[in-house]
């Protein structure tokens, strides 16, 4: 009889110990899961907020100035299908439009999210030749001449104007990489510099053989 009671007590103690160990393990697991799920969204939100907060005047200026700069390049590229004679130049014009249209949308979205105007600052001559003119931008007279040209004349004029235009964009992109703070804006600036430098080389080759 005493042996039976001792055995039951031993079994009861062992069962309780097992239950406690299981409960503790489950509790630790759930605690770990709660900890992970609670931190992930917060960490993501914090990282996003930090990226958005990292914006300085150079970033804003870069986007505000590059948007109209890109728009003129797209306007020039739109003329090529009906006026250009050189097949390679026509293909390049299509690539320029395909690259710069999405970049315009991206920079416009940045300025909106930063709470900044999408228009270029006052005092900048978008299409002039004075000291306030944007680097590489063609003036109204040049654009009108390009619109009136056709064939080889258009090809030469387009190549010359787009080379100057691209070199102006490269200059702006370099300034952003040096003075900007926003990582996305600086990354786009680096892409613009690389893409347009390659296109300048292509345009120069086309111009040399025309």
N, C-alpha and C. Protein backbone atom coordinates (compact mmCIF):
# COMPACT_ATOMS: atom_id res chain seq x y z
N UNK A 1 0.85 -1.20 0.00
CA UNK A 1 0.00 0.00 0.00
C UNK A 1 0.88 1.25 0.00
N UNK A 2 1.83 1.33 0.87
CA UNK A 2 2.75 2.48 0.92
C UNK A 2 3.51 2.61 -0.40
N UNK A 3 3.83 1.46 -0.97
CA UNK A 3 4.57 1.48 -2.24
C UNK A 3 3.73 2.11 -3.34
N UNK A 4 2.42 1.77 -3.35
CA UNK A 4 1.50 2.32 -4.37
C UNK A 4 1.36 3.83 -4.23
N UNK A 5 1.18 4.31 -2.97
CA UNK A 5 1.04 5.76 -2.73
C UNK A 5 2.28 6.51 -3.18
N UNK A 6 3.46 5.98 -2.86
CA UNK A 6 4.72 6.62 -3.24
C UNK A 6 4.85 6.69 -4.75
N UNK A 7 4.43 5.59 -5.45
CA UNK A 7 4.52 5.54 -6.90
C UNK A 7 3.61 6.58 -7.53
N UNK A 8 2.36 6.69 -6.97
CA UNK A 8 1.41 7.68 -7.50
C UNK A 8 1.95 9.10 -7.33
N UNK A 9 2.51 9.37 -6.14
CA UNK A 9 3.07 10.69 -5.90
C UNK A 9 4.21 11.02 -6.87
N UNK A 10 5.02 10.01 -7.11
CA UNK A 10 6.15 10.21 -8.02
C UNK A 10 5.66 10.51 -9.42
N UNK A 11 4.61 9.73 -9.86
CA UNK A 11 4.05 9.95 -11.19
C UNK A 11 3.40 11.33 -11.31
N UNK A 12 2.67 11.71 -10.23
CA UNK A 12 2.01 13.02 -10.23
C UNK A 12 3.04 14.15 -10.32
N UNK A 13 4.11 14.03 -9.56
CA UNK A 13 5.17 15.05 -9.58
C UNK A 13 5.83 15.14 -10.95
N UNK A 14 6.06 13.98 -11.54
CA UNK A 14 6.70 13.96 -12.86
C UNK A 14 5.80 14.58 -13.91
N UNK A 15 4.48 14.28 -13.82
CA UNK A 15 3.52 14.84 -14.79
C UNK A 15 3.46 16.35 -14.68
N UNK A 16 3.39 16.86 -13.44
CA UNK A 16 3.35 18.31 -13.23
C UNK A 16 4.60 18.99 -13.77
N UNK A 17 5.73 18.35 -13.53
CA UNK A 17 7.00 18.91 -14.01
C UNK A 17 7.01 19.00 -15.54
N UNK A 18 6.49 17.94 -16.17
CA UNK A 18 6.45 17.92 -17.63
C UNK A 18 5.53 19.00 -18.17
N UNK A 19 4.35 19.15 -17.50
CA UNK A 19 3.40 20.17 -17.93
C UNK A 19 3.98 21.58 -17.78
N UNK A 20 4.66 21.79 -16.65
CA UNK A 20 5.27 23.10 -16.42
C UNK A 20 6.36 23.40 -17.46
N UNK A 21 7.14 22.39 -17.79
CA UNK A 21 8.21 22.58 -18.76
C UNK A 21 7.63 22.91 -20.13
N UNK A 22 6.52 22.21 -20.49
CA UNK A 22 5.87 22.46 -21.78
C UNK A 22 5.30 23.87 -21.83
N UNK A 23 4.64 24.28 -20.75
CA UNK A 23 4.03 25.61 -20.69
C UNK A 23 5.09 26.70 -20.80
N UNK A 24 6.21 26.47 -20.12
CA UNK A 24 7.29 27.45 -20.15
C UNK A 24 7.87 27.58 -21.56
N UNK A 25 8.04 26.44 -22.22
CA UNK A 25 8.58 26.46 -23.58
C UNK A 25 7.64 27.18 -24.52
N UNK A 26 6.32 26.88 -24.39
CA UNK A 26 5.33 27.54 -25.26
C UNK A 26 5.31 29.04 -25.00
N UNK A 27 5.40 29.38 -23.72
CA UNK A 27 5.38 30.80 -23.36
C UNK A 27 6.55 31.53 -23.94
N UNK A 28 7.73 30.90 -23.90
CA UNK A 28 8.91 31.53 -24.47
C UNK A 28 8.77 31.69 -25.97
N UNK A 29 8.20 30.68 -26.64
CA UNK A 29 8.04 30.73 -28.08
C UNK A 29 7.08 31.82 -28.47
N UNK A 30 5.95 31.93 -27.79
CA UNK A 30 4.97 32.95 -28.12
C UNK A 30 5.53 34.34 -27.86
N UNK A 31 6.32 34.42 -26.77
CA UNK A 31 6.91 35.72 -26.46
C UNK A 31 7.85 36.15 -27.57
N UNK A 32 8.62 35.18 -28.08
CA UNK A 32 9.54 35.49 -29.16
C UNK A 32 8.80 35.90 -30.41
N UNK A 33 7.67 35.19 -30.68
CA UNK A 33 6.90 35.52 -31.87
C UNK A 33 6.29 36.91 -31.76
N UNK A 34 5.75 37.25 -30.61
CA UNK A 34 5.16 38.57 -30.42
C UNK A 34 6.21 39.65 -30.58
N UNK A 35 7.40 39.36 -30.06
CA UNK A 35 8.47 40.34 -30.12
C UNK A 35 8.86 40.63 -31.57
N UNK A 36 8.96 39.54 -32.36
CA UNK A 36 9.35 39.72 -33.76
C UNK A 36 8.30 40.45 -34.54
N UNK A 37 7.02 40.02 -34.41
CA UNK A 37 5.97 40.62 -35.22
C UNK A 37 5.72 42.06 -34.81
N UNK A 38 6.02 42.39 -33.57
CA UNK A 38 5.80 43.77 -33.12
C UNK A 38 6.86 44.72 -33.63
N UNK A 39 8.09 44.22 -33.85
CA UNK A 39 9.19 45.09 -34.22
C UNK A 39 9.31 45.31 -35.72
N UNK A 40 8.91 44.33 -36.53
CA UNK A 40 9.14 44.42 -37.96
C UNK A 40 8.45 45.62 -38.60
N UNK A 41 7.12 45.81 -38.39
CA UNK A 41 6.48 46.98 -38.98
C UNK A 41 7.05 48.30 -38.46
N UNK A 42 7.36 48.31 -37.18
CA UNK A 42 7.90 49.54 -36.58
C UNK A 42 9.26 49.87 -37.19
N UNK A 43 10.07 48.83 -37.37
CA UNK A 43 11.40 49.06 -37.94
C UNK A 43 11.28 49.54 -39.39
N UNK A 44 10.34 48.92 -40.14
CA UNK A 44 10.14 49.33 -41.53
C UNK A 44 9.66 50.77 -41.61
N UNK A 45 8.70 51.11 -40.76
CA UNK A 45 8.17 52.48 -40.75
C UNK A 45 9.25 53.48 -40.37
N UNK A 46 10.08 53.08 -39.40
CA UNK A 46 11.16 53.97 -38.96
C UNK A 46 12.15 54.22 -40.09
N UNK A 47 12.51 53.12 -40.82
CA UNK A 47 13.46 53.26 -41.92
C UNK A 47 12.89 54.12 -43.03
N UNK A 48 11.59 53.92 -43.31
CA UNK A 48 10.94 54.73 -44.35
C UNK A 48 10.90 56.20 -43.96
N UNK A 49 10.56 56.47 -42.72
CA UNK A 49 10.49 57.85 -42.24
C UNK A 49 11.85 58.51 -42.29
N UNK A 50 12.89 57.72 -41.96
CA UNK A 50 14.24 58.27 -41.97
C UNK A 50 14.66 58.64 -43.40
N UNK A 51 14.29 57.78 -44.39
CA UNK A 51 14.63 58.06 -45.78
C UNK A 51 13.93 59.31 -46.26
N UNK A 52 12.62 59.43 -45.93
CA UNK A 52 11.86 60.60 -46.35
C UNK A 52 12.36 61.88 -45.68
N UNK A 53 12.86 61.73 -44.44
CA UNK A 53 13.32 62.91 -43.71
C UNK A 53 14.67 63.39 -44.23
N UNK A 54 15.42 62.51 -44.91
CA UNK A 54 16.74 62.87 -45.40
C UNK A 54 16.63 63.58 -46.73
N UNK A 55 16.23 64.81 -46.70
CA UNK A 55 16.07 65.62 -47.91
C UNK A 55 16.62 67.02 -47.62
N UNK A 56 17.49 67.51 -48.49
CA UNK A 56 17.98 68.87 -48.31
C UNK A 56 17.63 69.73 -49.53
N UNK A 57 18.05 70.97 -49.51
CA UNK A 57 17.71 71.90 -50.58
C UNK A 57 18.26 71.45 -51.93
N UNK A 58 19.41 70.80 -51.92
CA UNK A 58 20.01 70.33 -53.17
C UNK A 58 19.14 69.26 -53.83
N UNK A 59 18.56 68.38 -53.01
CA UNK A 59 17.67 67.34 -53.54
C UNK A 59 16.45 67.97 -54.20
N UNK A 60 15.86 68.95 -53.53
CA UNK A 60 14.67 69.63 -54.04
C UNK A 60 15.01 70.35 -55.34
N UNK A 61 16.11 71.08 -55.36
CA UNK A 61 16.53 71.81 -56.55
C UNK A 61 16.80 70.85 -57.71
N UNK A 62 17.44 69.74 -57.43
CA UNK A 62 17.73 68.74 -58.46
C UNK A 62 16.46 68.27 -59.14
N UNK A 63 15.46 67.89 -58.35
CA UNK A 63 14.21 67.40 -58.92
C UNK A 63 13.45 68.50 -59.67
N UNK A 64 13.38 69.68 -59.06
CA UNK A 64 12.63 70.78 -59.68
C UNK A 64 13.26 71.22 -61.01
N UNK A 65 14.57 71.16 -61.11
CA UNK A 65 15.25 71.59 -62.33
C UNK A 65 15.33 70.48 -63.37
N UNK A 66 15.48 69.24 -62.90
CA UNK A 66 15.63 68.14 -63.85
C UNK A 66 14.32 67.79 -64.54
N UNK A 67 13.20 68.05 -63.91
CA UNK A 67 11.91 67.75 -64.53
C UNK A 67 11.72 68.52 -65.85
N UNK A 68 11.83 69.87 -65.86
CA UNK A 68 11.69 70.57 -67.13
C UNK A 68 12.83 70.26 -68.11
N UNK A 69 14.00 69.95 -67.56
CA UNK A 69 15.13 69.57 -68.41
C UNK A 69 14.79 68.29 -69.17
N UNK A 70 14.29 67.30 -68.45
CA UNK A 70 13.87 66.04 -69.08
C UNK A 70 12.73 66.27 -70.07
N UNK A 71 11.80 67.14 -69.71
CA UNK A 71 10.64 67.38 -70.59
C UNK A 71 11.08 67.90 -71.95
N UNK A 72 12.08 68.77 -71.96
CA UNK A 72 12.55 69.28 -73.25
C UNK A 72 13.22 68.17 -74.05
N UNK A 73 13.97 67.31 -73.38
CA UNK A 73 14.60 66.19 -74.09
C UNK A 73 13.53 65.28 -74.70
N UNK A 74 12.44 65.07 -73.98
CA UNK A 74 11.34 64.25 -74.50
C UNK A 74 10.69 64.95 -75.69
N UNK A 75 10.51 66.27 -75.60
CA UNK A 75 9.94 67.04 -76.71
C UNK A 75 10.81 66.91 -77.96
N UNK A 76 12.11 66.97 -77.77
CA UNK A 76 13.04 66.82 -78.89
C UNK A 76 12.96 65.41 -79.47
N UNK A 77 12.89 64.43 -78.60
CA UNK A 77 12.82 63.04 -79.05
C UNK A 77 11.53 62.76 -79.81
N UNK A 78 10.45 63.43 -79.42
CA UNK A 78 9.16 63.25 -80.10
C UNK A 78 9.19 63.72 -81.56
N UNK A 79 10.14 64.59 -81.89
CA UNK A 79 10.24 65.11 -83.26
C UNK A 79 10.91 64.11 -84.20
N UNK A 80 11.73 63.23 -83.67
CA UNK A 80 12.56 62.36 -84.49
C UNK A 80 11.79 61.39 -85.41
N UNK A 81 10.72 60.76 -84.95
CA UNK A 81 10.05 59.78 -85.83
C UNK A 81 9.59 60.33 -87.18
N UNK A 82 9.18 61.59 -87.23
CA UNK A 82 8.66 62.16 -88.48
C UNK A 82 9.66 63.07 -89.20
N UNK A 83 10.80 63.34 -88.57
CA UNK A 83 11.75 64.27 -89.18
C UNK A 83 13.14 63.67 -89.42
N UNK A 84 13.54 62.72 -88.61
CA UNK A 84 14.89 62.16 -88.71
C UNK A 84 15.02 61.25 -89.92
N UNK A 85 16.25 61.13 -90.38
CA UNK A 85 16.54 60.23 -91.51
C UNK A 85 17.38 59.05 -91.04
N UNK A 86 18.25 59.28 -90.06
CA UNK A 86 19.17 58.25 -89.59
C UNK A 86 18.45 57.25 -88.68
N UNK A 87 18.54 55.97 -89.01
CA UNK A 87 17.82 54.93 -88.26
C UNK A 87 18.33 54.81 -86.82
N UNK A 88 19.64 54.89 -86.64
CA UNK A 88 20.20 54.78 -85.29
C UNK A 88 19.77 55.96 -84.42
N UNK A 89 19.71 57.13 -85.02
CA UNK A 89 19.27 58.30 -84.27
C UNK A 89 17.80 58.17 -83.87
N UNK A 90 16.99 57.63 -84.78
CA UNK A 90 15.58 57.39 -84.45
C UNK A 90 15.44 56.43 -83.28
N UNK A 91 16.22 55.36 -83.30
CA UNK A 91 16.17 54.39 -82.20
C UNK A 91 16.60 55.01 -80.88
N UNK A 92 17.63 55.84 -80.93
CA UNK A 92 18.12 56.49 -79.72
C UNK A 92 17.07 57.45 -79.17
N UNK A 93 16.37 58.15 -80.04
CA UNK A 93 15.33 59.08 -79.59
C UNK A 93 14.23 58.33 -78.84
N UNK A 94 13.89 57.15 -79.32
CA UNK A 94 12.88 56.31 -78.64
C UNK A 94 13.37 55.92 -77.24
N UNK A 95 14.65 55.56 -77.14
CA UNK A 95 15.23 55.17 -75.85
C UNK A 95 15.27 56.35 -74.87
N UNK A 96 15.58 57.53 -75.39
CA UNK A 96 15.63 58.73 -74.54
C UNK A 96 14.26 58.99 -73.93
N UNK A 97 13.23 58.95 -74.76
CA UNK A 97 11.87 59.17 -74.27
C UNK A 97 11.46 58.09 -73.27
N UNK A 98 11.79 56.84 -73.57
CA UNK A 98 11.41 55.72 -72.69
C UNK A 98 12.10 55.81 -71.33
N UNK A 99 13.31 56.36 -71.29
CA UNK A 99 14.04 56.47 -70.03
C UNK A 99 13.60 57.68 -69.22
N UNK A 100 13.37 58.80 -69.89
CA UNK A 100 13.17 60.06 -69.17
C UNK A 100 11.72 60.30 -68.74
N UNK A 101 10.76 59.77 -69.46
CA UNK A 101 9.36 59.92 -69.05
C UNK A 101 9.12 59.34 -67.64
N UNK A 102 9.55 58.10 -67.36
CA UNK A 102 9.37 57.55 -66.01
C UNK A 102 10.15 58.32 -64.95
N UNK A 103 11.31 58.85 -65.31
CA UNK A 103 12.10 59.62 -64.34
C UNK A 103 11.40 60.92 -63.98
N UNK A 104 10.70 61.52 -64.95
CA UNK A 104 9.91 62.72 -64.66
C UNK A 104 8.83 62.39 -63.63
N UNK A 105 8.15 61.26 -63.83
CA UNK A 105 7.09 60.84 -62.90
C UNK A 105 7.67 60.57 -61.51
N UNK A 106 8.84 59.94 -61.46
CA UNK A 106 9.48 59.64 -60.17
C UNK A 106 9.82 60.92 -59.41
N UNK A 107 10.44 61.88 -60.07
CA UNK A 107 10.85 63.11 -59.41
C UNK A 107 9.65 63.96 -59.01
N UNK A 108 8.60 63.93 -59.83
CA UNK A 108 7.38 64.65 -59.48
C UNK A 108 6.77 64.05 -58.20
N UNK A 109 6.79 62.72 -58.11
CA UNK A 109 6.29 62.05 -56.91
C UNK A 109 7.10 62.39 -55.68
N UNK A 110 8.42 62.49 -55.83
CA UNK A 110 9.26 62.88 -54.69
C UNK A 110 8.88 64.26 -54.17
N UNK A 111 8.80 65.22 -55.06
CA UNK A 111 8.51 66.59 -54.65
C UNK A 111 7.15 66.66 -53.94
N UNK A 112 6.19 65.93 -54.44
CA UNK A 112 4.87 65.90 -53.80
C UNK A 112 4.98 65.31 -52.40
N UNK A 113 5.70 64.21 -52.26
CA UNK A 113 5.84 63.57 -50.94
C UNK A 113 6.66 64.42 -49.98
N UNK A 114 7.56 65.25 -50.52
CA UNK A 114 8.37 66.15 -49.69
C UNK A 114 7.63 67.44 -49.35
N UNK A 115 6.46 67.63 -49.94
CA UNK A 115 5.70 68.85 -49.70
C UNK A 115 6.30 70.07 -50.38
N UNK A 116 6.95 69.84 -51.54
CA UNK A 116 7.60 70.93 -52.27
C UNK A 116 6.92 71.15 -53.62
N UNK A 117 6.99 72.37 -54.17
CA UNK A 117 6.41 72.64 -55.48
C UNK A 117 7.11 71.82 -56.56
N UNK A 118 6.34 71.38 -57.55
CA UNK A 118 6.94 70.63 -58.65
C UNK A 118 7.51 71.54 -59.73
N UNK A 119 7.14 72.81 -59.68
CA UNK A 119 7.65 73.78 -60.67
C UNK A 119 9.05 74.22 -60.29
N UNK A 120 9.84 74.58 -61.29
CA UNK A 120 11.18 75.08 -61.04
C UNK A 120 11.10 76.42 -60.32
N UNK A 121 12.09 76.75 -59.50
CA UNK A 121 12.07 78.01 -58.75
C UNK A 121 12.04 79.22 -59.67
N UNK A 122 11.43 80.28 -59.21
CA UNK A 122 11.39 81.52 -59.99
C UNK A 122 12.80 82.08 -60.15
N UNK A 123 13.01 82.78 -61.25
CA UNK A 123 14.32 83.38 -61.48
C UNK A 123 15.21 82.55 -62.39
N UNK A 124 14.74 81.33 -62.75
CA UNK A 124 15.52 80.49 -63.65
C UNK A 124 14.93 80.56 -65.05
N UNK A 125 15.76 80.92 -66.01
CA UNK A 125 15.34 81.04 -67.40
C UNK A 125 15.42 79.65 -68.04
N UNK A 126 14.25 79.03 -68.25
CA UNK A 126 14.23 77.66 -68.74
C UNK A 126 14.73 77.52 -70.17
N UNK A 127 14.46 78.52 -71.00
CA UNK A 127 14.78 78.38 -72.42
C UNK A 127 15.63 79.54 -72.94
N UNK A 128 16.40 80.16 -72.08
CA UNK A 128 17.18 81.32 -72.49
C UNK A 128 18.65 81.01 -72.66
N UNK A 129 19.40 82.08 -72.81
CA UNK A 129 20.85 81.93 -72.98
C UNK A 129 21.62 82.76 -71.96
N UNK A 130 20.90 83.39 -71.05
CA UNK A 130 21.53 84.24 -70.05
C UNK A 130 22.15 83.44 -68.93
N UNK A 131 22.69 84.14 -67.92
CA UNK A 131 23.36 83.46 -66.81
C UNK A 131 22.42 82.61 -65.96
N UNK A 132 21.12 82.91 -66.04
CA UNK A 132 20.17 82.12 -65.25
C UNK A 132 19.59 80.94 -66.01
N UNK A 133 20.03 80.76 -67.27
CA UNK A 133 19.52 79.67 -68.09
C UNK A 133 19.98 78.32 -67.54
N UNK A 134 19.13 77.32 -67.66
CA UNK A 134 19.47 76.00 -67.18
C UNK A 134 20.50 75.35 -68.11
N UNK A 135 21.44 74.63 -67.54
CA UNK A 135 22.54 74.05 -68.32
C UNK A 135 22.03 73.13 -69.43
N UNK A 136 22.45 73.45 -70.65
CA UNK A 136 22.15 72.58 -71.79
C UNK A 136 20.79 72.78 -72.43
N UNK A 137 19.93 73.58 -71.84
CA UNK A 137 18.58 73.77 -72.37
C UNK A 137 18.63 74.59 -73.67
N UNK A 138 17.84 74.16 -74.65
CA UNK A 138 17.73 74.90 -75.90
C UNK A 138 16.75 76.05 -75.73
N UNK A 139 17.02 77.15 -76.42
CA UNK A 139 16.09 78.27 -76.36
C UNK A 139 14.98 78.09 -77.40
N UNK A 140 14.02 78.99 -77.41
CA UNK A 140 12.87 78.87 -78.31
C UNK A 140 13.29 78.89 -79.78
N UNK A 141 14.24 79.74 -80.10
CA UNK A 141 14.71 79.83 -81.49
C UNK A 141 15.31 78.51 -81.96
N UNK A 142 16.13 77.91 -81.10
CA UNK A 142 16.74 76.63 -81.46
C UNK A 142 15.69 75.53 -81.63
N UNK A 143 14.71 75.51 -80.73
CA UNK A 143 13.65 74.50 -80.83
C UNK A 143 12.83 74.70 -82.10
N UNK A 144 12.56 75.92 -82.46
CA UNK A 144 11.79 76.19 -83.69
C UNK A 144 12.56 75.75 -84.93
N UNK A 145 13.86 75.98 -84.94
CA UNK A 145 14.69 75.53 -86.06
C UNK A 145 14.70 74.01 -86.16
N UNK A 146 14.76 73.34 -85.01
CA UNK A 146 14.76 71.88 -85.01
C UNK A 146 13.43 71.34 -85.55
N UNK A 147 12.34 71.98 -85.16
CA UNK A 147 11.02 71.56 -85.63
C UNK A 147 10.86 71.75 -87.14
N UNK A 148 11.54 72.75 -87.68
CA UNK A 148 11.43 73.05 -89.11
C UNK A 148 12.36 72.19 -89.96
N UNK A 149 13.35 71.56 -89.35
CA UNK A 149 14.34 70.79 -90.10
C UNK A 149 13.84 69.37 -90.39
N UNK A 150 14.41 68.78 -91.46
CA UNK A 150 14.08 67.40 -91.81
C UNK A 150 15.30 66.72 -92.41
N UNK A 151 15.28 65.38 -92.38
CA UNK A 151 16.36 64.60 -92.99
C UNK A 151 17.69 64.78 -92.28
N UNK A 152 18.75 64.82 -93.07
CA UNK A 152 20.10 64.92 -92.51
C UNK A 152 20.29 66.22 -91.73
N UNK A 153 19.66 67.29 -92.20
CA UNK A 153 19.76 68.56 -91.47
C UNK A 153 19.20 68.40 -90.05
N UNK A 154 18.07 67.74 -89.94
CA UNK A 154 17.49 67.49 -88.61
C UNK A 154 18.42 66.61 -87.79
N UNK A 155 18.94 65.55 -88.40
CA UNK A 155 19.80 64.61 -87.67
C UNK A 155 21.00 65.33 -87.05
N UNK A 156 21.64 66.18 -87.85
CA UNK A 156 22.81 66.91 -87.33
C UNK A 156 22.43 67.86 -86.20
N UNK A 157 21.35 68.59 -86.43
CA UNK A 157 20.91 69.54 -85.42
C UNK A 157 20.48 68.85 -84.13
N UNK A 158 19.74 67.74 -84.28
CA UNK A 158 19.28 66.98 -83.12
C UNK A 158 20.48 66.47 -82.32
N UNK A 159 21.45 65.88 -83.01
CA UNK A 159 22.62 65.32 -82.32
C UNK A 159 23.38 66.41 -81.57
N UNK A 160 23.59 67.55 -82.23
CA UNK A 160 24.32 68.65 -81.59
C UNK A 160 23.57 69.19 -80.36
N UNK A 161 22.28 69.39 -80.52
CA UNK A 161 21.48 69.94 -79.42
C UNK A 161 21.35 68.95 -78.27
N UNK A 162 21.18 67.67 -78.59
CA UNK A 162 21.01 66.68 -77.53
C UNK A 162 22.31 66.43 -76.78
N UNK A 163 23.44 66.53 -77.48
CA UNK A 163 24.73 66.40 -76.79
C UNK A 163 24.88 67.51 -75.76
N UNK A 164 24.59 68.75 -76.17
CA UNK A 164 24.66 69.88 -75.24
C UNK A 164 23.66 69.70 -74.10
N UNK A 165 22.48 69.22 -74.45
CA UNK A 165 21.42 69.01 -73.46
C UNK A 165 21.85 67.96 -72.43
N UNK A 166 22.36 66.85 -72.93
CA UNK A 166 22.82 65.77 -72.03
C UNK A 166 23.98 66.23 -71.15
N UNK A 167 24.91 66.98 -71.72
CA UNK A 167 26.04 67.45 -70.91
C UNK A 167 25.56 68.36 -69.78
N UNK A 168 24.50 69.14 -70.05
CA UNK A 168 23.92 69.96 -68.99
C UNK A 168 23.30 69.11 -67.90
N UNK A 169 22.61 68.04 -68.29
CA UNK A 169 22.00 67.13 -67.30
C UNK A 169 23.07 66.42 -66.48
N UNK A 170 24.16 66.04 -67.13
CA UNK A 170 25.27 65.38 -66.42
C UNK A 170 25.85 66.31 -65.37
N UNK A 171 25.99 67.57 -65.72
CA UNK A 171 26.50 68.57 -64.78
C UNK A 171 25.58 68.68 -63.55
N UNK A 172 24.27 68.72 -63.80
CA UNK A 172 23.29 68.80 -62.72
C UNK A 172 23.32 67.53 -61.86
N UNK A 173 23.48 66.38 -62.51
CA UNK A 173 23.51 65.11 -61.79
C UNK A 173 24.75 65.01 -60.88
N UNK A 174 25.86 65.51 -61.37
CA UNK A 174 27.09 65.50 -60.56
C UNK A 174 26.93 66.39 -59.32
N UNK A 175 26.28 67.54 -59.51
CA UNK A 175 26.04 68.44 -58.37
C UNK A 175 25.18 67.76 -57.31
N UNK A 176 24.16 67.04 -57.76
CA UNK A 176 23.28 66.34 -56.80
C UNK A 176 24.05 65.27 -56.03
N UNK A 177 24.90 64.54 -56.72
CA UNK A 177 25.66 63.48 -56.04
C UNK A 177 26.62 64.06 -55.00
N UNK A 178 27.10 65.26 -55.25
CA UNK A 178 28.03 65.90 -54.32
C UNK A 178 27.31 66.59 -53.17
N UNK A 179 26.21 67.27 -53.48
CA UNK A 179 25.54 68.14 -52.49
C UNK A 179 24.25 67.58 -51.93
N UNK A 180 23.65 66.59 -52.57
CA UNK A 180 22.37 66.06 -52.12
C UNK A 180 22.50 65.20 -50.88
N UNK A 181 21.33 64.90 -50.27
CA UNK A 181 21.31 64.07 -49.07
C UNK A 181 20.41 62.85 -49.23
N UNK A 182 19.39 62.95 -50.06
CA UNK A 182 18.44 61.85 -50.21
C UNK A 182 19.06 60.71 -51.03
N UNK A 183 19.10 59.50 -50.48
CA UNK A 183 19.77 58.40 -51.18
C UNK A 183 19.11 58.04 -52.52
N UNK A 184 17.79 58.13 -52.60
CA UNK A 184 17.10 57.82 -53.86
C UNK A 184 17.43 58.85 -54.93
N UNK A 185 17.44 60.12 -54.55
CA UNK A 185 17.75 61.18 -55.51
C UNK A 185 19.19 61.07 -55.99
N UNK A 186 20.10 60.75 -55.09
CA UNK A 186 21.50 60.62 -55.47
C UNK A 186 21.71 59.41 -56.38
N UNK A 187 20.95 58.34 -56.12
CA UNK A 187 21.04 57.15 -56.97
C UNK A 187 20.53 57.45 -58.38
N UNK A 188 19.43 58.19 -58.47
CA UNK A 188 18.91 58.56 -59.79
C UNK A 188 19.89 59.47 -60.51
N UNK A 189 20.51 60.38 -59.78
CA UNK A 189 21.50 61.27 -60.38
C UNK A 189 22.66 60.47 -60.97
N UNK A 190 23.10 59.46 -60.26
CA UNK A 190 24.19 58.61 -60.75
C UNK A 190 23.77 57.87 -62.01
N UNK A 191 22.53 57.41 -62.04
CA UNK A 191 22.00 56.71 -63.21
C UNK A 191 21.92 57.65 -64.41
N UNK A 192 21.41 58.87 -64.16
CA UNK A 192 21.31 59.85 -65.24
C UNK A 192 22.69 60.16 -65.82
N UNK A 193 23.66 60.34 -64.93
CA UNK A 193 25.02 60.63 -65.39
C UNK A 193 25.56 59.51 -66.28
N UNK A 194 25.40 58.27 -65.82
CA UNK A 194 25.93 57.13 -66.58
C UNK A 194 25.19 56.93 -67.90
N UNK A 195 23.87 56.98 -67.85
CA UNK A 195 23.06 56.76 -69.06
C UNK A 195 23.33 57.81 -70.12
N UNK A 196 23.35 59.07 -69.69
CA UNK A 196 23.46 60.14 -70.67
C UNK A 196 24.89 60.31 -71.18
N UNK A 197 25.87 59.93 -70.38
CA UNK A 197 27.26 59.94 -70.86
C UNK A 197 27.41 58.93 -71.99
N UNK A 198 26.78 57.76 -71.84
CA UNK A 198 26.83 56.74 -72.89
C UNK A 198 26.10 57.22 -74.15
N UNK A 199 24.98 57.92 -73.96
CA UNK A 199 24.22 58.42 -75.10
C UNK A 199 24.97 59.54 -75.82
N UNK A 200 25.72 60.33 -75.09
CA UNK A 200 26.55 61.38 -75.70
C UNK A 200 27.57 60.75 -76.65
N UNK A 201 28.16 59.65 -76.23
CA UNK A 201 29.14 58.97 -77.08
C UNK A 201 28.48 58.46 -78.37
N UNK A 202 27.27 57.90 -78.22
CA UNK A 202 26.53 57.41 -79.39
C UNK A 202 26.17 58.56 -80.32
N UNK A 203 25.69 59.65 -79.75
CA UNK A 203 25.31 60.82 -80.55
C UNK A 203 26.51 61.40 -81.29
N UNK A 204 27.66 61.42 -80.64
CA UNK A 204 28.87 61.96 -81.27
C UNK A 204 29.29 61.08 -82.44
N UNK A 205 29.16 59.77 -82.31
CA UNK A 205 29.49 58.85 -83.41
C UNK A 205 28.57 59.07 -84.59
N UNK A 206 27.27 59.27 -84.28
CA UNK A 206 26.30 59.54 -85.36
C UNK A 206 26.65 60.85 -86.05
N UNK A 207 26.95 61.86 -85.26
CA UNK A 207 27.27 63.18 -85.81
C UNK A 207 28.54 63.11 -86.68
N UNK A 208 29.51 62.33 -86.26
CA UNK A 208 30.78 62.24 -87.00
C UNK A 208 30.60 61.61 -88.37
N UNK A 209 29.62 60.73 -88.54
CA UNK A 209 29.44 60.06 -89.83
C UNK A 209 28.37 60.70 -90.72
N UNK A 210 27.67 61.69 -90.19
CA UNK A 210 26.64 62.34 -91.01
C UNK A 210 27.26 63.27 -92.07
